[in-house]
PDB file of N, CA and C in Angstrom:
ATOM      1  N   MET A   1     -17.834   5.776  -2.836  1.00  0.00           N
ATOM      2  CA  MET A   1     -16.980   5.546  -1.839  1.00  0.00           C
ATOM      3  C   MET A   1     -16.927   5.315  -0.039  1.00  0.00           C
ATOM      4  N   ALA A   2     -16.380   4.179   0.141  1.00  0.00           N
ATOM      5  CA  ALA A   2     -16.686   3.652   1.150  1.00  0.00           C
ATOM      6  C   ALA A   2     -16.749   4.985   2.319  1.00  0.00           C
ATOM      7  N   LYS A   3     -17.342   4.319   3.134  1.00  0.00           N
ATOM      8  CA  LYS A   3     -17.381   5.603   4.577  1.00  0.00           C
ATOM      9  C   LYS A   3     -16.548   4.671   5.121  1.00  0.00           C
ATOM     10  N   PRO A   4     -16.073   6.190   5.941  1.00  0.00           N
ATOM     11  CA  PRO A   4     -15.098   5.601   7.332  1.00  0.00           C
ATOM     12  C   PRO A   4     -15.801   5.058   8.630  1.00  0.00           C
ATOM     13  N   VAL A   5     -14.992   3.895   8.851  1.00  0.00           N
ATOM     14  CA  VAL A   5     -16.002   3.249  10.281  1.00  0.00           C
ATOM     15  C   VAL A   5     -14.313   3.134  11.306  1.00  0.00           C
ATOM     16  N   ARG A   6     -14.704   3.098  12.663  1.00  0.00           N
ATOM     17  CA  ARG A   6     -13.989   2.284  13.790  1.00  0.00           C
ATOM     18  C   ARG A   6     -14.306   1.023  14.108  1.00  0.00           C
ATOM     19  N   ALA A   7     -13.407   0.308  14.319  1.00  0.00           N
ATOM     20  CA  ALA A   7     -13.707  -1.073  14.507  1.00  0.00           C
ATOM     21  C   ALA A   7     -13.841  -1.554  15.903  1.00  0.00           C
ATOM     22  N   ALA A   8     -14.126  -2.304  16.522  1.00  0.00           N
ATOM     23  CA  ALA A   8     -14.220  -2.707  17.993  1.00  0.00           C
ATOM     24  C   ALA A   8     -14.470  -4.506  18.020  1.00  0.00           C
ATOM     25  N   LEU A   9     -13.480  -4.903  18.575  1.00  0.00           N
ATOM     26  CA  LEU A   9     -14.257  -6.476  18.845  1.00  0.00           C
ATOM     27  C   LEU A   9     -14.251  -6.725  20.292  1.00  0.00           C
ATOM     28  N   GLY A  10     -14.886  -7.108  20.754  1.00  0.00           N
ATOM     29  CA  GLY A  10     -16.021  -7.360  22.476  1.00  0.00           C
ATOM     30  C   GLY A  10     -15.224  -5.843  22.687  1.00  0.00           C
ATOM     31  N   GLU A  11     -14.785  -5.400  23.893  1.00  0.00           N
ATOM     32  CA  GLU A  11     -14.144  -4.399  23.917  1.00  0.00           C
ATOM     33  C   GLU A  11     -13.159  -3.661  23.686  1.00  0.00           C
ATOM     34  N   VAL A  12     -12.550  -4.048  22.715  1.00  0.00           N
ATOM     35  CA  VAL A  12     -10.681  -3.729  22.122  1.00  0.00           C
ATOM     36  C   VAL A  12     -11.350  -2.988  20.448  1.00  0.00           C
ATOM     37  N   TRP A  13     -11.044  -1.649  20.527  1.00  0.00           N
ATOM     38  CA  TRP A  13     -10.933  -1.124  19.665  1.00  0.00           C
ATOM     39  C   TRP A  13      -9.467  -1.481  18.660  1.00  0.00           C
ATOM     40  N   LEU A  14      -9.906  -1.955  17.632  1.00  0.00           N
ATOM     41  CA  LEU A  14      -9.023  -2.188  16.807  1.00  0.00           C
ATOM     42  C   LEU A  14      -8.145  -0.932  16.039  1.00  0.00           C
ATOM     43  N   THR A  15      -6.693  -1.217  16.032  1.00  0.00           N
ATOM     44  CA  THR A  15      -5.957   0.010  15.084  1.00  0.00           C
ATOM     45  C   THR A  15      -5.080  -0.536  14.284  1.00  0.00           C
ATOM     46  N   CYS A  16      -4.584  -0.253  13.174  1.00  0.00           N
ATOM     47  CA  CYS A  16      -4.132  -0.603  12.028  1.00  0.00           C
ATOM     48  C   CYS A  16      -2.441  -1.390  12.344  1.00  0.00           C
ATOM     49  N   GLN A  17      -2.745  -2.508  12.287  1.00  0.00           N
ATOM     50  CA  GLN A  17      -0.998  -3.066  12.774  1.00  0.00           C
ATOM     51  C   GLN A  17       0.762  -2.419  11.511  1.00  0.00           C
ATOM     52  N   VAL A  18      -0.119  -1.392  10.973  1.00  0.00           N
ATOM     53  CA  VAL A  18       1.263  -0.398  10.125  1.00  0.00           C
ATOM     54  C   VAL A  18       1.150   0.367  10.891  1.00  0.00           C
ATOM     55  N   CYS A  19       0.352   1.344  10.861  1.00  0.00           N
ATOM     56  CA  CYS A  19       0.342   3.005  10.823  1.00  0.00           C
ATOM     57  C   CYS A  19      -0.100   3.222  12.674  1.00  0.00           C
ATOM     58  N   GLN A  20      -1.018   2.027  13.604  1.00  0.00           N
ATOM     59  CA  GLN A  20      -1.718   2.366  14.128  1.00  0.00           C
ATOM     60  C   GLN A  20      -3.035   3.434  13.818  1.00  0.00           C
ATOM     61  N   GLY A  21      -3.200   3.944  12.719  1.00  0.00           N
ATOM     62  CA  GLY A  21      -4.519   4.256  12.640  1.00  0.00           C
ATOM     63  C   GLY A  21      -5.722   3.292  12.851  1.00  0.00           C
ATOM     64  N   ASP A  22      -6.780   3.984  12.935  1.00  0.00           N
ATOM     65  CA  ASP A  22      -7.927   3.875  13.613  1.00  0.00           C
ATOM     66  C   ASP A  22      -9.284   3.838  12.976  1.00  0.00           C
ATOM     67  N   VAL A  23      -8.927   4.297  11.860  1.00  0.00           N
ATOM     68  CA  VAL A  23     -10.020   4.697  11.041  1.00  0.00           C
ATOM     69  C   VAL A  23      -9.589   3.967   9.541  1.00  0.00           C
ATOM     70  N   PHE A  24     -10.989   3.064   8.772  1.00  0.00           N
ATOM     71  CA  PHE A  24     -11.003   1.759   7.842  1.00  0.00           C
ATOM     72  C   PHE A  24     -11.794   2.088   7.283  1.00  0.00           C
ATOM     73  N   ARG A  25     -11.819   1.687   6.038  1.00  0.00           N
ATOM     74  CA  ARG A  25     -12.864   1.204   5.064  1.00  0.00           C
ATOM     75  C   ARG A  25     -13.814   0.098   5.052  1.00  0.00           C
ATOM     76  N   GLU A  26     -14.551  -0.570   5.158  1.00  0.00           N
ATOM     77  CA  GLU A  26     -15.247  -2.296   5.441  1.00  0.00           C
ATOM     78  C   GLU A  26     -15.380  -2.423   3.596  1.00  0.00           C
ATOM     79  N   ARG A  27     -14.977  -3.477   3.889  1.00  0.00           N
ATOM     80  CA  ARG A  27     -15.773  -4.016   2.522  1.00  0.00           C
ATOM     81  C   ARG A  27     -15.550  -5.903   3.324  1.00  0.00           C
ATOM     82  N   GLU A  28     -16.421  -6.527   1.934  1.00  0.00           N
ATOM     83  CA  GLU A  28     -16.473  -7.997   2.017  1.00  0.00           C
ATOM     84  C   GLU A  28     -15.396  -8.667   1.301  1.00  0.00           C
ATOM     85  N   VAL A  29     -15.041  -9.441   1.354  1.00  0.00           N
ATOM     86  CA  VAL A  29     -13.628 -10.036   0.866  1.00  0.00           C
ATOM     87  C   VAL A  29     -13.815 -11.159   0.899  1.00  0.00           C
ATOM     88  N   LEU A  30     -14.033 -12.171  -0.191  1.00  0.00           N
ATOM     89  CA  LEU A  30     -14.200 -13.822  -0.539  1.00  0.00           C
ATOM     90  C   LEU A  30     -12.943 -14.456  -0.839  1.00  0.00           C
ATOM     91  N   LEU A  31     -13.046 -15.229  -0.139  1.00  0.00           N
ATOM     92  CA  LEU A  31     -11.739 -16.197   0.212  1.00  0.00           C
ATOM     93  C   LEU A  31     -12.193 -17.513  -0.610  1.00  0.00           C
ATOM     94  N   ASN A  32     -11.724 -16.863  -2.059  1.00  0.00           N
ATOM     95  CA  ASN A  32     -11.770 -18.031  -3.279  1.00  0.00           C
ATOM     96  C   ASN A  32     -10.947 -19.311  -2.745  1.00  0.00           C
ATOM     97  N   SER A  33     -11.174 -20.287  -3.342  1.00  0.00           N
ATOM     98  CA  SER A  33     -10.284 -21.705  -3.076  1.00  0.00           C
ATOM     99  C   SER A  33     -10.276 -22.247  -4.742  1.00  0.00           C
ATOM    100  N   ALA A  34      -8.887 -22.477  -4.978  1.00  0.00           N
ATOM    101  CA  ALA A  34      -8.911 -23.540  -6.630  1.00  0.00           C
ATOM    102  C   ALA A  34      -9.860 -24.302  -6.703  1.00  0.00           C
ATOM    103  N   GLY A  35     -10.566 -25.158  -6.029  1.00  0.00           N
ATOM    104  CA  GLY A  35     -11.370 -26.487  -6.238  1.00  0.00           C
ATOM    105  C   GLY A  35     -12.584 -25.249  -6.542  1.00  0.00           C
ATOM    106  N   MET A  36     -13.143 -24.738  -6.056  1.00  0.00           N
ATOM    107  CA  MET A  36     -14.587 -24.095  -5.887  1.00  0.00           C
ATOM    108  C   MET A  36     -14.214 -23.232  -7.040  1.00  0.00           C
ATOM    109  N   GLU A  37     -13.049 -22.726  -7.189  1.00  0.00           N
ATOM    110  CA  GLU A  37     -13.434 -21.418  -8.553  1.00  0.00           C
ATOM    111  C   GLU A  37     -13.084 -22.576 -10.088  1.00  0.00           C
ATOM    112  N   PHE A  38     -12.920 -23.911  -9.829  1.00  0.00           N
ATOM    113  CA  PHE A  38     -12.093 -24.723 -10.827  1.00  0.00           C
ATOM    114  C   PHE A  38     -14.343 -25.455 -11.282  1.00  0.00           C
ATOM    115  N   MET A  39     -15.001 -25.495 -10.621  1.00  0.00           N
ATOM    116  CA  MET A  39     -16.123 -26.237 -10.164  1.00  0.00           C
ATOM    117  C   MET A  39     -17.332 -24.881 -10.803  1.00  0.00           C
ATOM    118  N   LYS A  40     -16.336 -23.836 -10.875  1.00  0.00           N
ATOM    119  CA  LYS A  40     -17.579 -22.433 -11.362  1.00  0.00           C
ATOM    120  C   LYS A  40     -18.743 -22.179  -9.570  1.00  0.00           C
ATOM    121  N   LEU A  41     -17.791 -22.524  -8.710  1.00  0.00           N
ATOM    122  CA  LEU A  41     -18.635 -22.307  -6.925  1.00  0.00           C
ATOM    123  C   LEU A  41     -17.779 -20.985  -6.511  1.00  0.00           C
ATOM    124  N   ALA A  42     -17.001 -20.315  -7.091  1.00  0.00           N
ATOM    125  CA  ALA A  42     -16.778 -19.322  -6.316  1.00  0.00           C
ATOM    126  C   ALA A  42     -17.416 -18.492  -5.628  1.00  0.00           C
ATOM    127  N   TRP A  43     -18.975 -18.042  -5.796  1.00  0.00           N
ATOM    128  CA  TRP A  43     -19.507 -17.327  -5.209  1.00  0.00           C
ATOM    129  C   TRP A  43     -20.246 -18.324  -3.659  1.00  0.00           C
ATOM    130  N   ALA A  44     -19.730 -19.704  -3.794  1.00  0.00           N
ATOM    131  CA  ALA A  44     -20.115 -20.274  -2.500  1.00  0.00           C
ATOM    132  C   ALA A  44     -19.306 -19.866  -1.454  1.00  0.00           C
ATOM    133  N   ASN A  45     -17.984 -19.272  -1.584  1.00  0.00           N
ATOM    134  CA  ASN A  45     -16.859 -19.743  -0.661  1.00  0.00           C
ATOM    135  C   ASN A  45     -17.063 -18.611   0.023  1.00  0.00           C
ATOM    136  N   GLU A  46     -15.924 -18.975   1.810  1.00  0.00           N
ATOM    137  CA  GLU A  46     -16.715 -18.295   2.922  1.00  0.00           C
ATOM    138  C   GLU A  46     -16.085 -16.797   2.598  1.00  0.00           C
ATOM    139  N   SER A  47     -16.511 -16.231   3.067  1.00  0.00           N
ATOM    140  CA  SER A  47     -15.921 -14.079   2.982  1.00  0.00           C
ATOM    141  C   SER A  47     -15.849 -14.213   4.349  1.00  0.00           C
ATOM    142  N   ALA A  48     -15.306 -12.547   4.528  1.00  0.00           N
ATOM    143  CA  ALA A  48     -14.080 -12.156   5.468  1.00  0.00           C
ATOM    144  C   ALA A  48     -14.501 -10.585   5.436  1.00  0.00           C
ATOM    145  N   THR A  49     -14.246 -10.372   6.514  1.00  0.00           N
ATOM    146  CA  THR A  49     -14.689  -8.576   6.898  1.00  0.00           C
ATOM    147  C   THR A  49     -13.033  -8.130   6.559  1.00  0.00           C
ATOM    148  N   GLY A  50     -13.172  -6.891   5.208  1.00  0.00           N
ATOM    149  CA  GLY A  50     -11.798  -6.456   4.875  1.00  0.00           C
ATOM    150  C   GLY A  50     -12.154  -5.236   5.466  1.00  0.00           C
ATOM    151  N   LEU A  51     -10.674  -5.102   6.474  1.00  0.00           N
ATOM    152  CA  LEU A  51     -11.165  -3.508   7.185  1.00  0.00           C
ATOM    153  C   LEU A  51      -9.255  -2.783   6.557  1.00  0.00           C
ATOM    154  N   ILE A  52      -9.766  -1.600   5.664  1.00  0.00           N
ATOM    155  CA  ILE A  52      -8.605  -0.950   4.807  1.00  0.00           C
ATOM    156  C   ILE A  52      -8.485   0.339   5.919  1.00  0.00           C
ATOM    157  N   CYS A  53      -7.027   0.227   6.023  1.00  0.00           N
ATOM    158  CA  CYS A  53      -6.624   1.381   6.764  1.00  0.00           C
ATOM    159  C   CYS A  53      -7.045   2.366   5.657  1.00  0.00           C
ATOM    160  N   TRP A  54      -7.704   3.630   6.491  1.00  0.00           N
ATOM    161  CA  TRP A  54      -7.940   4.949   6.003  1.00  0.00           C
ATOM    162  C   TRP A  54      -6.715   5.717   5.785  1.00  0.00           C
ATOM    163  N   SER A  55      -5.552   5.343   6.891  1.00  0.00           N
ATOM    164  CA  SER A  55      -4.464   6.124   6.601  1.00  0.00           C
ATOM    165  C   SER A  55      -3.183   5.820   5.183  1.00  0.00           C
ATOM    166  N   CYS A  56      -3.029   4.445   5.687  1.00  0.00           N
ATOM    167  CA  CYS A  56      -2.179   3.509   4.788  1.00  0.00           C
ATOM    168  C   CYS A  56      -2.550   2.642   4.087  1.00  0.00           C
ATOM    169  N   GLY A  57      -3.790   2.635   4.133  1.00  0.00           N
ATOM    170  CA  GLY A  57      -3.963   1.556   2.790  1.00  0.00           C
ATOM    171  C   GLY A  57      -4.061  -0.210   3.198  1.00  0.00           C
ATOM    172  N   TYR A  58      -3.332  -0.205   4.151  1.00  0.00           N
ATOM    173  CA  TYR A  58      -2.770  -1.683   4.872  1.00  0.00           C
ATOM    174  C   TYR A  58      -4.439  -2.939   4.712  1.00  0.00           C
ATOM    175  N   VAL A  59      -4.668  -4.008   4.338  1.00  0.00           N
ATOM    176  CA  VAL A  59      -6.177  -4.565   4.423  1.00  0.00           C
ATOM    177  C   VAL A  59      -5.464  -5.525   5.717  1.00  0.00           C
ATOM    178  N   HIS A  60      -6.626  -5.879   6.265  1.00  0.00           N
ATOM    179  CA  HIS A  60      -7.278  -6.506   7.502  1.00  0.00           C
ATOM    180  C   HIS A  60      -8.318  -7.041   7.296  1.00  0.00           C
ATOM    181  N   LEU A  61      -7.849  -8.458   7.708  1.00  0.00           N
ATOM    182  CA  LEU A  61      -9.070  -9.282   7.274  1.00  0.00           C
ATOM    183  C   LEU A  61      -9.452 -10.489   8.521  1.00  0.00           C
ATOM    184  N   PHE A  62     -10.560 -10.543   8.461  1.00  0.00           N
ATOM    185  CA  PHE A  62     -11.746 -11.275   9.917  1.00  0.00           C
ATOM    186  C   PHE A  62     -12.150 -11.737   9.390  1.00  0.00           C
ATOM    187  N   VAL A  63     -12.414 -12.823   9.251  1.00  0.00           N
ATOM    188  CA  VAL A  63     -13.680 -14.172   9.233  1.00  0.00           C
ATOM    189  C   VAL A  63     -14.437 -14.070  10.330  1.00  0.00           C
ATOM    190  N   ASN A  64     -14.131 -13.303  11.297  1.00  0.00           N
ATOM    191  CA  ASN A  64     -14.739 -13.510  12.908  1.00  0.00           C
ATOM    192  C   ASN A  64     -15.818 -12.221  12.690  1.00  0.00           C
ATOM    193  N   LYS A  65     -17.208 -12.922  12.741  1.00  0.00           N
ATOM    194  CA  LYS A  65     -18.128 -11.850  12.301  1.00  0.00           C
ATOM    195  C   LYS A  65     -18.249 -10.694  13.469  1.00  0.00           C
ATOM    196  N   ASP A  66     -18.096 -10.839  14.971  1.00  0.00           N
ATOM    197  CA  ASP A  66     -18.499 -10.296  16.053  1.00  0.00           C
ATOM    198  C   ASP A  66     -17.790  -9.058  16.194  1.00  0.00           C
ATOM    199  N   ILE A  67     -16.920  -8.334  14.535  1.00  0.00           N
ATOM    200  CA  ILE A  67     -16.949  -6.955  14.658  1.00  0.00           C
ATOM    201  C   ILE A  67     -17.700  -6.550  14.291  1.00  0.00           C
ATOM    202  N   GLU A  68     -17.786  -5.001  15.261  1.00  0.00           N
ATOM    203  CA  GLU A  68     -19.073  -4.149  15.666  1.00  0.00           C
ATOM    204  C   GLU A  68     -17.958  -3.000  14.820  1.00  0.00           C
ATOM    205  N   LEU A  69     -18.719  -2.518  13.665  1.00  0.00           N
ATOM    206  CA  LEU A  69     -18.324  -1.395  12.833  1.00  0.00           C
ATOM    207  C   LEU A  69     -19.083  -0.218  13.517  1.00  0.00           C
ATOM    208  N   TYR A  70     -18.719   1.003  13.902  1.00  0.00           N
ATOM    209  CA  TYR A  70     -19.013   2.729  14.059  1.00  0.00           C
ATOM    210  C   TYR A  70     -18.756   3.514  13.675  1.00  0.00           C
ATOM    211  N   ARG A  71     -19.559   4.197  12.972  1.00  0.00           N
ATOM    212  CA  ARG A  71     -19.310   5.227  11.952  1.00  0.00           C
ATOM    213  C   ARG A  71     -18.372   6.388  12.441  1.00  0.00           C
ATOM    214  N   ALA A  72     -17.469   6.786  11.687  1.00  0.00           N
ATOM    215  CA  ALA A  72     -16.008   7.457  12.371  1.00  0.00           C
ATOM    216  C   ALA A  72     -16.695   8.755  11.548  1.00  0.00           C
ATOM    217  N   ASP A  73     -15.925  10.248  12.043  1.00  0.00           N
ATOM    218  CA  ASP A  73     -16.486  11.247  11.815  1.00  0.00           C
ATOM    219  C   ASP A  73     -15.077  11.518  10.943  1.00  0.00           C
ATOM    220  N   LYS A  74     -14.616  11.781   9.744  1.00  0.00           N
ATOM    221  CA  LYS A  74     -13.448  11.694   9.462  1.00  0.00           C
ATOM    222  C   LYS A  74     -13.081  13.040   8.654  1.00  0.00           C
TER     223      LYS A  74
END
């Protein structure tokens, strides 16, 4: 199971857009396109950082690689 993390973008701490929670599970998410899937090149698609809210499960996607993750004591 994924470990709980807190996330920041620069000096701004991220919170869930739905429940305002500040603890997430992190996961890499592929941004698949139909063309790349058709050519069997899905592995070459761009990826995003998925932050899944620990409280409500809402998924936040970030393509920006400047997100910093910190271990959260849950």
